Amino acid sequence: MPMSDESCLIDTDILSYILKRKENVYGNALQYLETHRKFTISCITYYECFRGYKA
């Protein structure tokens, strides 16, 4: 499937659900990755996840 130019920003809550493999969110994330091939996160989301893992 070709890559789409339309992408979205994944926020901290959604990224957390994906990492925890929550059923609905995880399934949607896999479908998203089929089209876009990567997630886009903000520096704030990166920081919040980094800080959460560090704690």
N, C-alpha and C. Protein backbone atom coordinates (compact mmCIF):
# COMPACT_ATOMS: atom_id res chain seq x y z
N MET A 1 0.85 -1.17 0.00
CA MET A 1 0.00 0.00 0.00
C MET A 1 0.90 1.24 0.00
N PRO A 2 0.63 2.23 -0.83
CA PRO A 2 1.49 3.41 -0.91
C PRO A 2 1.38 4.28 0.33
N MET A 3 2.47 5.00 0.60
CA MET A 3 2.47 5.92 1.73
C MET A 3 1.57 7.10 1.42
N SER A 4 0.87 7.56 2.41
CA SER A 4 -0.01 8.71 2.27
C SER A 4 0.72 9.94 2.80
N ASP A 5 0.41 11.10 2.22
CA ASP A 5 1.00 12.35 2.70
C ASP A 5 0.29 12.85 3.95
N GLU A 6 -0.90 12.31 4.20
CA GLU A 6 -1.66 12.73 5.38
C GLU A 6 -1.22 11.92 6.58
N SER A 7 -0.70 12.61 7.59
CA SER A 7 -0.30 11.93 8.81
C SER A 7 -0.87 12.70 10.00
N CYS A 8 -0.80 12.08 11.15
CA CYS A 8 -1.31 12.74 12.34
C CYS A 8 -0.29 12.62 13.46
N LEU A 9 -0.46 13.43 14.45
CA LEU A 9 0.43 13.46 15.60
C LEU A 9 -0.16 12.56 16.68
N ILE A 10 0.62 11.59 17.15
CA ILE A 10 0.18 10.66 18.18
C ILE A 10 0.48 11.30 19.54
N ASP A 11 -0.55 11.44 20.38
CA ASP A 11 -0.31 12.06 21.69
C ASP A 11 0.14 11.01 22.71
N THR A 12 0.49 11.46 23.89
CA THR A 12 1.05 10.60 24.93
C THR A 12 0.09 9.50 25.34
N ASP A 13 -1.18 9.82 25.52
CA ASP A 13 -2.15 8.81 25.93
C ASP A 13 -2.27 7.71 24.89
N ILE A 14 -2.38 8.08 23.63
CA ILE A 14 -2.52 7.09 22.56
C ILE A 14 -1.25 6.26 22.45
N LEU A 15 -0.10 6.88 22.53
CA LEU A 15 1.16 6.13 22.47
C LEU A 15 1.25 5.14 23.62
N SER A 16 0.82 5.55 24.79
CA SER A 16 0.81 4.66 25.95
C SER A 16 -0.09 3.45 25.70
N TYR A 17 -1.27 3.68 25.14
CA TYR A 17 -2.18 2.58 24.83
C TYR A 17 -1.58 1.64 23.79
N ILE A 18 -0.89 2.20 22.81
CA ILE A 18 -0.25 1.37 21.79
C ILE A 18 0.83 0.50 22.42
N LEU A 19 1.66 1.10 23.27
CA LEU A 19 2.73 0.35 23.91
C LEU A 19 2.20 -0.74 24.85
N LYS A 20 1.01 -0.49 25.43
CA LYS A 20 0.38 -1.48 26.31
C LYS A 20 -0.47 -2.47 25.52
N ARG A 21 -0.56 -2.27 24.20
CA ARG A 21 -1.32 -3.13 23.29
C ARG A 21 -2.80 -3.21 23.65
N LYS A 22 -3.38 -2.07 24.00
CA LYS A 22 -4.83 -2.01 24.23
C LYS A 22 -5.52 -2.37 22.91
N GLU A 23 -6.49 -3.27 22.97
CA GLU A 23 -7.05 -3.89 21.77
C GLU A 23 -7.45 -2.93 20.66
N ASN A 24 -8.41 -2.05 20.90
CA ASN A 24 -8.88 -1.15 19.84
C ASN A 24 -7.77 -0.25 19.31
N VAL A 25 -7.07 0.37 20.21
CA VAL A 25 -6.03 1.33 19.83
C VAL A 25 -4.90 0.63 19.09
N TYR A 26 -4.49 -0.53 19.59
CA TYR A 26 -3.39 -1.26 18.97
C TYR A 26 -3.74 -1.70 17.54
N GLY A 27 -4.95 -2.18 17.36
CA GLY A 27 -5.40 -2.58 16.03
C GLY A 27 -5.42 -1.41 15.06
N ASN A 28 -5.93 -0.28 15.53
CA ASN A 28 -5.94 0.93 14.69
C ASN A 28 -4.52 1.40 14.38
N ALA A 29 -3.63 1.26 15.35
CA ALA A 29 -2.24 1.67 15.14
C ALA A 29 -1.58 0.82 14.06
N LEU A 30 -1.86 -0.47 14.07
CA LEU A 30 -1.29 -1.35 13.03
C LEU A 30 -1.81 -0.96 11.65
N GLN A 31 -3.09 -0.64 11.56
CA GLN A 31 -3.65 -0.18 10.28
C GLN A 31 -3.01 1.13 9.84
N TYR A 32 -2.80 2.02 10.79
CA TYR A 32 -2.16 3.30 10.49
C TYR A 32 -0.74 3.07 9.96
N LEU A 33 -0.02 2.17 10.60
CA LEU A 33 1.36 1.90 10.19
C LEU A 33 1.44 1.28 8.80
N GLU A 34 0.43 0.53 8.40
CA GLU A 34 0.41 -0.03 7.05
C GLU A 34 0.44 1.08 6.00
N THR A 35 -0.21 2.18 6.30
CA THR A 35 -0.28 3.29 5.35
C THR A 35 0.89 4.26 5.50
N HIS A 36 1.21 4.62 6.74
CA HIS A 36 2.17 5.70 6.98
C HIS A 36 3.57 5.24 7.33
N ARG A 37 3.71 4.00 7.74
CA ARG A 37 5.00 3.37 8.05
C ARG A 37 5.74 3.91 9.27
N LYS A 38 5.22 4.95 9.91
CA LYS A 38 5.86 5.46 11.13
C LYS A 38 4.86 6.29 11.91
N PHE A 39 5.14 6.46 13.19
CA PHE A 39 4.36 7.35 14.04
C PHE A 39 5.06 8.69 14.12
N THR A 40 4.28 9.74 14.29
CA THR A 40 4.83 11.06 14.52
C THR A 40 4.40 11.48 15.92
N ILE A 41 5.40 11.84 16.74
CA ILE A 41 5.12 12.30 18.10
C ILE A 41 5.79 13.66 18.30
N SER A 42 5.26 14.42 19.24
CA SER A 42 5.85 15.73 19.54
C SER A 42 7.00 15.56 20.53
N CYS A 43 7.76 16.61 20.69
CA CYS A 43 8.84 16.58 21.68
C CYS A 43 8.26 16.48 23.09
N ILE A 44 7.06 17.00 23.29
CA ILE A 44 6.40 16.91 24.60
C ILE A 44 6.07 15.45 24.90
N THR A 45 5.50 14.73 23.92
CA THR A 45 5.19 13.31 24.10
C THR A 45 6.47 12.52 24.37
N TYR A 46 7.53 12.82 23.62
CA TYR A 46 8.81 12.15 23.84
C TYR A 46 9.28 12.36 25.28
N TYR A 47 9.24 13.61 25.72
CA TYR A 47 9.68 13.95 27.07
C TYR A 47 8.83 13.24 28.12
N GLU A 48 7.50 13.27 27.94
CA GLU A 48 6.62 12.64 28.92
C GLU A 48 6.88 11.13 29.00
N CYS A 49 7.08 10.49 27.87
CA CYS A 49 7.38 9.04 27.89
C CYS A 49 8.74 8.76 28.51
N PHE A 50 9.73 9.56 28.14
CA PHE A 50 11.07 9.39 28.70
C PHE A 50 11.04 9.56 30.21
N ARG A 51 10.35 10.59 30.67
CA ARG A 51 10.25 10.86 32.10
C ARG A 51 9.49 9.74 32.82
N GLY A 52 8.44 9.23 32.19
CA GLY A 52 7.66 8.14 32.77
C GLY A 52 8.48 6.88 32.90
N TYR A 53 9.25 6.54 31.88
CA TYR A 53 10.09 5.34 31.94
C TYR A 53 11.21 5.50 32.97
N LYS A 54 11.72 6.71 33.08
CA LYS A 54 12.81 6.97 34.03
C LYS A 54 12.33 6.84 35.48
N ALA A 55 11.07 7.22 35.70
CA ALA A 55 10.50 7.18 37.07
C ALA A 55 10.14 5.79 37.42
